[in-house]
Amino acid sequence: MVPAFANGAIDGAMITEPFLTRAVKQGSAVRVMGIDEMYPNYQITTLGFSPSLYGNRAAAKGFVRAYIQATRDYLNAVAGQPSPITRARIDELIAQQTKIDAAVVHEMELPGLSANGLPNQEAMRYCYQFFRDEGLIPEPVSDAAFASLWGTELVEEVLREMGRVAE
């Protein structure tokens, strides 16, 4: 989309990072609003477990605990609150793993995350229904199948041990 903005082939789009920052920096696009402003609390991705990891309760709980703690540290650092990691270090780590310049990473709109590690089921069901209505998911997914996908009982178990935080 960046070249399409630059040559005038498109007038608007929903564009992801790091492409949004690149298009804005080169002057071929203007950020109007983020998806978080269009659809508050909208969730576009989620984590999943393989059956073997999920079946190993100690390992799965350890992963969830580490994920939630890392997410909280990340959110605190980005918000400028006390954290064992700094925003500069986060930018550096993302740059190392993505090969995107750290200065560009610092300018990017970073993703929103749940400090409690829980999926936004309403947003995910909305997406499912949209794709179902479009005929792209031909077979319906049962409520029981959705319930098994969320894995929230494991997250809730970890949250009982760690405690919830306000989001």
N, C-alpha and C. Protein backbone atom coordinates (compact mmCIF):
# COMPACT_ATOMS: atom_id res chain seq x y z
N MET A 1 0.80 -1.20 0.00
CA MET A 1 0.00 0.00 0.00
C MET A 1 0.85 1.26 0.00
N VAL A 2 2.05 1.19 0.54
CA VAL A 2 2.89 2.40 0.60
C VAL A 2 3.15 2.94 -0.81
N PRO A 3 3.56 2.10 -1.78
CA PRO A 3 3.74 2.63 -3.13
C PRO A 3 2.42 3.13 -3.75
N ALA A 4 1.32 2.46 -3.44
CA ALA A 4 0.03 2.88 -3.97
C ALA A 4 -0.36 4.26 -3.43
N PHE A 5 -0.08 4.52 -2.16
CA PHE A 5 -0.30 5.87 -1.62
C PHE A 5 0.61 6.86 -2.33
N ALA A 6 1.87 6.50 -2.47
CA ALA A 6 2.87 7.41 -3.04
C ALA A 6 2.53 7.80 -4.48
N ASN A 7 2.00 6.85 -5.26
CA ASN A 7 1.72 7.20 -6.65
C ASN A 7 0.27 7.61 -6.88
N GLY A 8 -0.50 7.73 -5.80
CA GLY A 8 -1.88 8.21 -5.90
C GLY A 8 -2.89 7.18 -6.38
N ALA A 9 -2.49 5.90 -6.40
CA ALA A 9 -3.40 4.86 -6.86
C ALA A 9 -4.54 4.61 -5.88
N ILE A 10 -4.34 4.93 -4.60
CA ILE A 10 -5.40 4.78 -3.60
C ILE A 10 -5.48 6.06 -2.78
N ASP A 11 -6.67 6.31 -2.25
CA ASP A 11 -6.89 7.50 -1.43
C ASP A 11 -6.94 7.19 0.05
N GLY A 12 -7.25 5.95 0.40
CA GLY A 12 -7.36 5.59 1.80
C GLY A 12 -7.27 4.09 1.98
N ALA A 13 -6.88 3.70 3.19
CA ALA A 13 -6.75 2.27 3.48
C ALA A 13 -6.55 2.07 4.97
N MET A 14 -6.80 0.85 5.41
CA MET A 14 -6.40 0.44 6.75
C MET A 14 -5.06 -0.24 6.56
N ILE A 15 -4.02 0.34 7.11
CA ILE A 15 -2.66 -0.12 6.86
C ILE A 15 -1.98 -0.43 8.18
N THR A 16 -1.23 -1.50 8.21
CA THR A 16 -0.57 -1.94 9.44
C THR A 16 0.84 -1.36 9.54
N GLU A 17 1.39 -1.47 10.73
CA GLU A 17 2.77 -1.08 10.96
C GLU A 17 3.69 -2.16 10.45
N PRO A 18 4.87 -1.83 10.02
CA PRO A 18 5.53 -0.53 10.01
C PRO A 18 5.20 0.31 8.78
N PHE A 19 4.28 -0.19 7.94
CA PHE A 19 3.98 0.49 6.70
C PHE A 19 3.28 1.83 6.90
N LEU A 20 2.42 1.93 7.93
CA LEU A 20 1.77 3.19 8.23
C LEU A 20 2.81 4.25 8.53
N THR A 21 3.73 3.96 9.42
CA THR A 21 4.76 4.94 9.78
C THR A 21 5.57 5.34 8.56
N ARG A 22 5.93 4.37 7.72
CA ARG A 22 6.72 4.68 6.51
C ARG A 22 5.94 5.61 5.58
N ALA A 23 4.66 5.33 5.34
CA ALA A 23 3.86 6.16 4.44
C ALA A 23 3.69 7.57 5.00
N VAL A 24 3.48 7.69 6.30
CA VAL A 24 3.33 9.00 6.93
C VAL A 24 4.65 9.77 6.85
N LYS A 25 5.78 9.09 7.15
CA LYS A 25 7.09 9.75 7.12
C LYS A 25 7.45 10.26 5.73
N GLN A 26 7.06 9.52 4.69
CA GLN A 26 7.41 9.96 3.34
C GLN A 26 6.42 10.99 2.80
N GLY A 27 5.36 11.26 3.58
CA GLY A 27 4.43 12.30 3.19
C GLY A 27 3.35 11.86 2.21
N SER A 28 3.21 10.58 1.97
CA SER A 28 2.21 10.12 1.02
C SER A 28 0.90 9.71 1.69
N ALA A 29 0.86 9.72 3.02
CA ALA A 29 -0.36 9.37 3.75
C ALA A 29 -0.45 10.20 5.02
N VAL A 30 -1.65 10.32 5.51
CA VAL A 30 -1.91 10.99 6.78
C VAL A 30 -2.70 10.02 7.63
N ARG A 31 -2.28 9.86 8.87
CA ARG A 31 -3.02 8.98 9.78
C ARG A 31 -4.28 9.70 10.24
N VAL A 32 -5.42 9.11 9.96
CA VAL A 32 -6.69 9.70 10.36
C VAL A 32 -7.11 9.16 11.72
N MET A 33 -7.12 7.84 11.86
CA MET A 33 -7.44 7.22 13.14
C MET A 33 -6.99 5.77 13.11
N GLY A 34 -6.77 5.24 14.28
CA GLY A 34 -6.38 3.85 14.40
C GLY A 34 -7.58 2.95 14.54
N ILE A 35 -7.36 1.67 14.36
CA ILE A 35 -8.46 0.72 14.50
C ILE A 35 -9.03 0.76 15.91
N ASP A 36 -8.16 1.09 16.90
CA ASP A 36 -8.63 1.19 18.29
C ASP A 36 -9.61 2.35 18.47
N GLU A 37 -9.52 3.35 17.60
CA GLU A 37 -10.46 4.47 17.67
C GLU A 37 -11.74 4.16 16.89
N MET A 38 -11.61 3.39 15.83
CA MET A 38 -12.78 3.00 15.04
C MET A 38 -13.61 1.95 15.77
N TYR A 39 -12.92 0.97 16.35
CA TYR A 39 -13.56 -0.14 17.04
C TYR A 39 -12.86 -0.33 18.38
N PRO A 40 -13.26 0.43 19.41
CA PRO A 40 -12.58 0.28 20.71
C PRO A 40 -12.58 -1.17 21.19
N ASN A 41 -11.45 -1.60 21.70
CA ASN A 41 -11.24 -2.94 22.23
C ASN A 41 -11.33 -4.04 21.18
N TYR A 42 -11.23 -3.67 19.92
CA TYR A 42 -11.26 -4.64 18.83
C TYR A 42 -10.01 -5.50 18.90
N GLN A 43 -10.16 -6.77 18.73
CA GLN A 43 -9.02 -7.69 18.78
C GLN A 43 -8.84 -8.33 17.42
N ILE A 44 -7.62 -8.28 16.94
CA ILE A 44 -7.35 -8.77 15.60
C ILE A 44 -6.53 -10.06 15.63
N THR A 45 -5.89 -10.35 16.75
CA THR A 45 -5.12 -11.59 16.89
C THR A 45 -5.32 -12.17 18.28
N THR A 46 -4.95 -13.42 18.42
CA THR A 46 -5.01 -14.07 19.72
C THR A 46 -3.96 -15.17 19.77
N LEU A 47 -3.61 -15.59 20.95
CA LEU A 47 -2.67 -16.70 21.12
C LEU A 47 -3.42 -18.02 21.18
N GLY A 48 -2.77 -19.05 20.73
CA GLY A 48 -3.36 -20.38 20.81
C GLY A 48 -2.34 -21.38 21.32
N PHE A 49 -2.81 -22.48 21.85
CA PHE A 49 -1.96 -23.54 22.38
C PHE A 49 -2.15 -24.80 21.56
N SER A 50 -1.08 -25.52 21.33
CA SER A 50 -1.21 -26.84 20.74
C SER A 50 -1.79 -27.76 21.81
N PRO A 51 -2.46 -28.83 21.42
CA PRO A 51 -3.02 -29.74 22.42
C PRO A 51 -1.94 -30.30 23.37
N SER A 52 -0.73 -30.55 22.85
CA SER A 52 0.31 -31.11 23.73
C SER A 52 0.77 -30.08 24.77
N LEU A 53 0.88 -28.80 24.39
CA LEU A 53 1.27 -27.79 25.38
C LEU A 53 0.14 -27.58 26.37
N TYR A 54 -1.08 -27.47 25.87
CA TYR A 54 -2.22 -27.25 26.75
C TYR A 54 -2.41 -28.42 27.72
N GLY A 55 -2.09 -29.62 27.25
CA GLY A 55 -2.21 -30.82 28.09
C GLY A 55 -1.14 -30.90 29.17
N ASN A 56 -0.04 -30.20 29.00
CA ASN A 56 1.01 -30.15 30.01
C ASN A 56 0.72 -28.93 30.88
N ARG A 57 -0.12 -29.12 31.87
CA ARG A 57 -0.66 -28.01 32.67
C ARG A 57 0.43 -27.12 33.28
N ALA A 58 1.48 -27.72 33.81
CA ALA A 58 2.54 -26.92 34.44
C ALA A 58 3.22 -26.03 33.41
N ALA A 59 3.54 -26.59 32.25
CA ALA A 59 4.20 -25.80 31.20
C ALA A 59 3.26 -24.73 30.67
N ALA A 60 2.00 -25.07 30.44
CA ALA A 60 1.03 -24.11 29.92
C ALA A 60 0.82 -22.97 30.91
N LYS A 61 0.68 -23.29 32.19
CA LYS A 61 0.52 -22.24 33.20
C LYS A 61 1.76 -21.35 33.27
N GLY A 62 2.93 -21.97 33.18
CA GLY A 62 4.17 -21.20 33.19
C GLY A 62 4.23 -20.23 32.02
N PHE A 63 3.81 -20.71 30.84
CA PHE A 63 3.80 -19.84 29.66
C PHE A 63 2.82 -18.69 29.85
N VAL A 64 1.60 -18.99 30.31
CA VAL A 64 0.60 -17.95 30.52
C VAL A 64 1.09 -16.93 31.55
N ARG A 65 1.66 -17.39 32.63
CA ARG A 65 2.18 -16.49 33.66
C ARG A 65 3.25 -15.57 33.07
N ALA A 66 4.19 -16.14 32.32
CA ALA A 66 5.26 -15.34 31.72
C ALA A 66 4.69 -14.35 30.70
N TYR A 67 3.73 -14.81 29.90
CA TYR A 67 3.12 -13.94 28.90
C TYR A 67 2.43 -12.75 29.56
N ILE A 68 1.63 -13.02 30.59
CA ILE A 68 0.91 -11.94 31.27
C ILE A 68 1.89 -10.97 31.92
N GLN A 69 2.92 -11.49 32.59
CA GLN A 69 3.89 -10.60 33.24
C GLN A 69 4.63 -9.76 32.20
N ALA A 70 5.02 -10.38 31.09
CA ALA A 70 5.72 -9.63 30.03
C ALA A 70 4.81 -8.57 29.43
N THR A 71 3.54 -8.91 29.24
CA THR A 71 2.58 -7.95 28.70
C THR A 71 2.42 -6.77 29.64
N ARG A 72 2.31 -7.05 30.93
CA ARG A 72 2.17 -5.97 31.91
C ARG A 72 3.42 -5.09 31.94
N ASP A 73 4.59 -5.70 31.89
CA ASP A 73 5.83 -4.93 31.87
C ASP A 73 5.89 -4.05 30.62
N TYR A 74 5.51 -4.62 29.48
CA TYR A 74 5.48 -3.88 28.21
C TYR A 74 4.53 -2.69 28.31
N LEU A 75 3.30 -2.94 28.76
CA LEU A 75 2.31 -1.86 28.86
C LEU A 75 2.78 -0.76 29.80
N ASN A 76 3.37 -1.13 30.93
CA ASN A 76 3.88 -0.13 31.86
C ASN A 76 5.00 0.68 31.24
N ALA A 77 5.92 0.02 30.54
CA ALA A 77 7.04 0.73 29.92
C ALA A 77 6.55 1.69 28.85
N VAL A 78 5.62 1.25 28.02
CA VAL A 78 5.10 2.09 26.95
C VAL A 78 4.36 3.29 27.54
N ALA A 79 3.67 3.09 28.67
CA ALA A 79 2.93 4.18 29.32
C ALA A 79 3.83 5.05 30.19
N GLY A 80 5.11 4.72 30.27
CA GLY A 80 6.04 5.51 31.09
C GLY A 80 5.90 5.25 32.58
N GLN A 81 5.34 4.11 32.95
CA GLN A 81 5.19 3.74 34.36
C GLN A 81 6.35 2.85 34.77
N PRO A 82 6.53 2.66 36.08
CA PRO A 82 7.62 1.79 36.54
C PRO A 82 7.53 0.40 35.92
N SER A 83 8.66 -0.06 35.42
CA SER A 83 8.71 -1.35 34.74
C SER A 83 10.14 -1.86 34.77
N PRO A 84 10.33 -3.19 34.79
CA PRO A 84 11.70 -3.72 34.75
C PRO A 84 12.34 -3.57 33.37
N ILE A 85 11.58 -3.10 32.39
CA ILE A 85 12.12 -2.88 31.04
C ILE A 85 11.75 -1.46 30.61
N THR A 86 12.59 -0.84 29.85
CA THR A 86 12.32 0.52 29.39
C THR A 86 11.72 0.50 27.99
N ARG A 87 11.10 1.58 27.62
CA ARG A 87 10.54 1.70 26.27
C ARG A 87 11.67 1.61 25.24
N ALA A 88 12.81 2.20 25.55
CA ALA A 88 13.95 2.13 24.63
C ALA A 88 14.39 0.68 24.41
N ARG A 89 14.39 -0.11 25.46
CA ARG A 89 14.78 -1.52 25.34
C ARG A 89 13.74 -2.30 24.53
N ILE A 90 12.47 -1.98 24.73
CA ILE A 90 11.42 -2.62 23.93
C ILE A 90 11.62 -2.30 22.45
N ASP A 91 11.86 -1.03 22.15
CA ASP A 91 12.10 -0.63 20.76
C ASP A 91 13.30 -1.39 20.20
N GLU A 92 14.35 -1.50 21.00
CA GLU A 92 15.56 -2.20 20.57
C GLU A 92 15.27 -3.69 20.29
N LEU A 93 14.53 -4.34 21.18
CA LEU A 93 14.21 -5.75 21.00
C LEU A 93 13.35 -5.99 19.76
N ILE A 94 12.34 -5.13 19.57
CA ILE A 94 11.49 -5.26 18.39
C ILE A 94 12.33 -5.04 17.13
N ALA A 95 13.21 -4.04 17.16
CA ALA A 95 14.07 -3.76 16.01
C ALA A 95 14.98 -4.94 15.69
N GLN A 96 15.55 -5.54 16.72
CA GLN A 96 16.42 -6.70 16.51
C GLN A 96 15.68 -7.86 15.85
N GLN A 97 14.47 -8.12 16.30
CA GLN A 97 13.72 -9.28 15.81
C GLN A 97 13.03 -9.04 14.47
N THR A 98 12.78 -7.78 14.12
CA THR A 98 12.06 -7.48 12.88
C THR A 98 12.95 -6.86 11.81
N LYS A 99 14.15 -6.44 12.21
CA LYS A 99 15.07 -5.74 11.29
C LYS A 99 14.53 -4.38 10.87
N ILE A 100 13.61 -3.82 11.65
CA ILE A 100 13.12 -2.46 11.43
C ILE A 100 13.96 -1.54 12.30
N ASP A 101 14.36 -0.41 11.77
CA ASP A 101 15.17 0.54 12.52
C ASP A 101 14.47 0.92 13.83
N ALA A 102 15.25 0.98 14.93
CA ALA A 102 14.68 1.26 16.25
C ALA A 102 13.97 2.62 16.29
N ALA A 103 14.47 3.59 15.54
CA ALA A 103 13.82 4.91 15.51
C ALA A 103 12.43 4.80 14.88
N VAL A 104 12.30 3.96 13.86
CA VAL A 104 10.99 3.75 13.23
C VAL A 104 10.08 3.00 14.20
N VAL A 105 10.62 2.00 14.86
CA VAL A 105 9.84 1.24 15.85
C VAL A 105 9.29 2.20 16.90
N HIS A 106 10.10 3.14 17.34
CA HIS A 106 9.67 4.08 18.38
C HIS A 106 8.50 4.95 17.90
N GLU A 107 8.45 5.24 16.61
CA GLU A 107 7.38 6.07 16.07
C GLU A 107 6.11 5.28 15.76
N MET A 108 6.23 3.97 15.64
CA MET A 108 5.09 3.14 15.25
C MET A 108 4.01 3.13 16.33
N GLU A 109 2.78 2.92 15.87
CA GLU A 109 1.67 2.69 16.79
C GLU A 109 1.82 1.26 17.27
N LEU A 110 2.13 1.09 18.53
CA LEU A 110 2.33 -0.26 19.06
C LEU A 110 0.98 -0.91 19.36
N PRO A 111 0.94 -2.23 19.32
CA PRO A 111 -0.34 -2.92 19.51
C PRO A 111 -0.86 -2.79 20.93
N GLY A 112 -2.17 -2.82 21.04
CA GLY A 112 -2.79 -2.86 22.35
C GLY A 112 -2.86 -4.31 22.81
N LEU A 113 -2.68 -4.52 24.07
CA LEU A 113 -2.71 -5.87 24.63
C LEU A 113 -3.54 -5.86 25.90
N SER A 114 -4.11 -7.00 26.23
CA SER A 114 -4.84 -7.15 27.48
C SER A 114 -3.86 -7.44 28.60
N ALA A 115 -3.87 -6.61 29.62
CA ALA A 115 -2.98 -6.80 30.76
C ALA A 115 -3.33 -8.05 31.55
N ASN A 116 -4.49 -8.62 31.27
CA ASN A 116 -4.89 -9.86 31.94
C ASN A 116 -4.85 -11.07 31.01
N GLY A 117 -4.36 -10.87 29.80
CA GLY A 117 -4.16 -11.99 28.88
C GLY A 117 -5.41 -12.63 28.33
N LEU A 118 -6.53 -11.96 28.47
CA LEU A 118 -7.79 -12.56 28.03
C LEU A 118 -8.17 -12.07 26.63
N PRO A 119 -8.73 -12.96 25.82
CA PRO A 119 -9.18 -12.54 24.49
C PRO A 119 -10.47 -11.74 24.59
N ASN A 120 -10.67 -10.85 23.64
CA ASN A 120 -11.92 -10.12 23.54
C ASN A 120 -12.87 -10.99 22.73
N GLN A 121 -13.64 -11.79 23.42
CA GLN A 121 -14.52 -12.76 22.76
C GLN A 121 -15.56 -12.08 21.88
N GLU A 122 -16.05 -10.93 22.32
CA GLU A 122 -17.06 -10.22 21.53
C GLU A 122 -16.48 -9.82 20.17
N ALA A 123 -15.27 -9.29 20.16
CA ALA A 123 -14.64 -8.88 18.90
C ALA A 123 -14.36 -10.09 18.01
N MET A 124 -13.91 -11.18 18.62
CA MET A 124 -13.61 -12.37 17.83
C MET A 124 -14.88 -12.98 17.25
N ARG A 125 -15.98 -12.96 18.01
CA ARG A 125 -17.25 -13.47 17.48
C ARG A 125 -17.78 -12.57 16.36
N TYR A 126 -17.56 -11.27 16.51
CA TYR A 126 -17.97 -10.33 15.46
C TYR A 126 -17.24 -10.66 14.16
N CYS A 127 -15.93 -10.88 14.25
CA CYS A 127 -15.15 -11.23 13.05
C CYS A 127 -15.63 -12.55 12.46
N TYR A 128 -15.85 -13.52 13.31
CA TYR A 128 -16.34 -14.81 12.85
C TYR A 128 -17.65 -14.61 12.08
N GLN A 129 -18.59 -13.86 12.66
CA GLN A 129 -19.88 -13.67 12.01
C GLN A 129 -19.74 -12.92 10.70
N PHE A 130 -18.85 -11.93 10.65
CA PHE A 130 -18.62 -11.20 9.41
C PHE A 130 -18.16 -12.16 8.30
N PHE A 131 -17.15 -12.97 8.60
CA PHE A 131 -16.63 -13.90 7.59
C PHE A 131 -17.65 -15.00 7.26
N ARG A 132 -18.43 -15.37 8.24
CA ARG A 132 -19.50 -16.36 8.02
C ARG A 132 -20.55 -15.77 7.07
N ASP A 133 -20.96 -14.52 7.34
CA ASP A 133 -21.95 -13.86 6.49
C ASP A 133 -21.44 -13.68 5.06
N GLU A 134 -20.15 -13.51 4.91
CA GLU A 134 -19.55 -13.35 3.58
C GLU A 134 -19.38 -14.68 2.86
N GLY A 135 -19.69 -15.78 3.55
CA GLY A 135 -19.58 -17.10 2.95
C GLY A 135 -18.18 -17.67 2.98
N LEU A 136 -17.29 -17.02 3.72
CA LEU A 136 -15.90 -17.47 3.77
C LEU A 136 -15.66 -18.54 4.83
N ILE A 137 -16.62 -18.72 5.73
CA ILE A 137 -16.60 -19.83 6.69
C ILE A 137 -17.89 -20.60 6.43
N PRO A 138 -17.82 -21.62 5.59
CA PRO A 138 -19.05 -22.29 5.16
C PRO A 138 -19.74 -23.11 6.24
N GLU A 139 -18.98 -23.71 7.15
CA GLU A 139 -19.57 -24.53 8.21
C GLU A 139 -19.61 -23.74 9.51
N PRO A 140 -20.75 -23.72 10.20
CA PRO A 140 -20.82 -22.97 11.46
C PRO A 140 -19.94 -23.59 12.54
N VAL A 141 -19.48 -22.72 13.42
CA VAL A 141 -18.69 -23.16 14.58
C VAL A 141 -19.63 -23.13 15.78
N SER A 142 -19.72 -24.23 16.49
CA SER A 142 -20.65 -24.32 17.62
C SER A 142 -20.14 -23.51 18.81
N ASP A 143 -21.07 -23.18 19.72
CA ASP A 143 -20.69 -22.48 20.95
C ASP A 143 -19.69 -23.31 21.75
N ALA A 144 -19.87 -24.64 21.75
CA ALA A 144 -18.95 -25.52 22.48
C ALA A 144 -17.55 -25.46 21.88
N ALA A 145 -17.48 -25.40 20.55
CA ALA A 145 -16.17 -25.31 19.89
C ALA A 145 -15.51 -23.98 20.22
N PHE A 146 -16.29 -22.89 20.20
CA PHE A 146 -15.73 -21.59 20.59
C PHE A 146 -15.22 -21.63 22.02
N ALA A 147 -16.01 -22.21 22.92
CA ALA A 147 -15.61 -22.28 24.33
C ALA A 147 -14.29 -23.01 24.49
N SER A 148 -14.08 -24.05 23.69
CA SER A 148 -12.82 -24.79 23.80
C SER A 148 -11.66 -24.00 23.22
N LEU A 149 -11.94 -23.07 22.32
CA LEU A 149 -10.88 -22.25 21.72
C LEU A 149 -10.33 -21.20 22.67
N TRP A 150 -11.18 -20.65 23.51
CA TRP A 150 -10.75 -19.52 24.34
C TRP A 150 -9.67 -19.91 25.34
N GLY A 151 -9.79 -21.06 25.95
CA GLY A 151 -8.79 -21.47 26.95
C GLY A 151 -8.77 -20.55 28.16
N THR A 152 -9.86 -19.88 28.42
CA THR A 152 -9.85 -18.88 29.50
C THR A 152 -9.75 -19.49 30.89
N GLU A 153 -10.13 -20.77 31.04
CA GLU A 153 -10.03 -21.35 32.39
C GLU A 153 -8.58 -21.42 32.84
N LEU A 154 -7.66 -21.64 31.92
CA LEU A 154 -6.23 -21.65 32.27
C LEU A 154 -5.77 -20.24 32.63
N VAL A 155 -6.15 -19.26 31.83
CA VAL A 155 -5.78 -17.87 32.11
C VAL A 155 -6.40 -17.43 33.43
N GLU A 156 -7.65 -17.78 33.65
CA GLU A 156 -8.32 -17.40 34.90
C GLU A 156 -7.61 -18.03 36.11
N GLU A 157 -7.17 -19.27 35.97
CA GLU A 157 -6.44 -19.93 37.05
C GLU A 157 -5.15 -19.16 37.38
N VAL A 158 -4.43 -18.75 36.36
CA VAL A 158 -3.20 -17.98 36.57
C VAL A 158 -3.53 -16.62 37.17
N LEU A 159 -4.60 -15.97 36.70
CA LEU A 159 -4.98 -14.66 37.23
C LEU A 159 -5.37 -14.75 38.71
N ARG A 160 -5.97 -15.86 39.13
CA ARG A 160 -6.29 -16.03 40.56
C ARG A 160 -5.02 -16.03 41.38
N GLU A 161 -3.93 -16.55 40.81
CA GLU A 161 -2.65 -16.59 41.51
C GLU A 161 -1.92 -15.25 41.44
N MET A 162 -1.93 -14.61 40.27
CA MET A 162 -1.18 -13.37 40.05
C MET A 162 -1.97 -12.12 40.46
N GLY A 163 -3.29 -12.21 40.32
CA GLY A 163 -4.14 -11.04 40.52
C GLY A 163 -4.42 -10.34 39.21
N ARG A 164 -5.61 -9.77 39.13
CA ARG A 164 -6.01 -8.99 37.96
C ARG A 164 -5.53 -7.55 38.12
N VAL A 165 -5.39 -6.90 36.98
CA VAL A 165 -5.11 -5.46 36.99
C VAL A 165 -6.18 -4.77 36.16
N ALA A 166 -6.37 -3.48 36.41
CA ALA A 166 -7.32 -2.71 35.63
C ALA A 166 -6.82 -2.56 34.21
N GLU A 167 -7.74 -2.57 33.28
CA GLU A 167 -7.36 -2.39 31.86
C GLU A 167 -7.93 -1.11 31.33
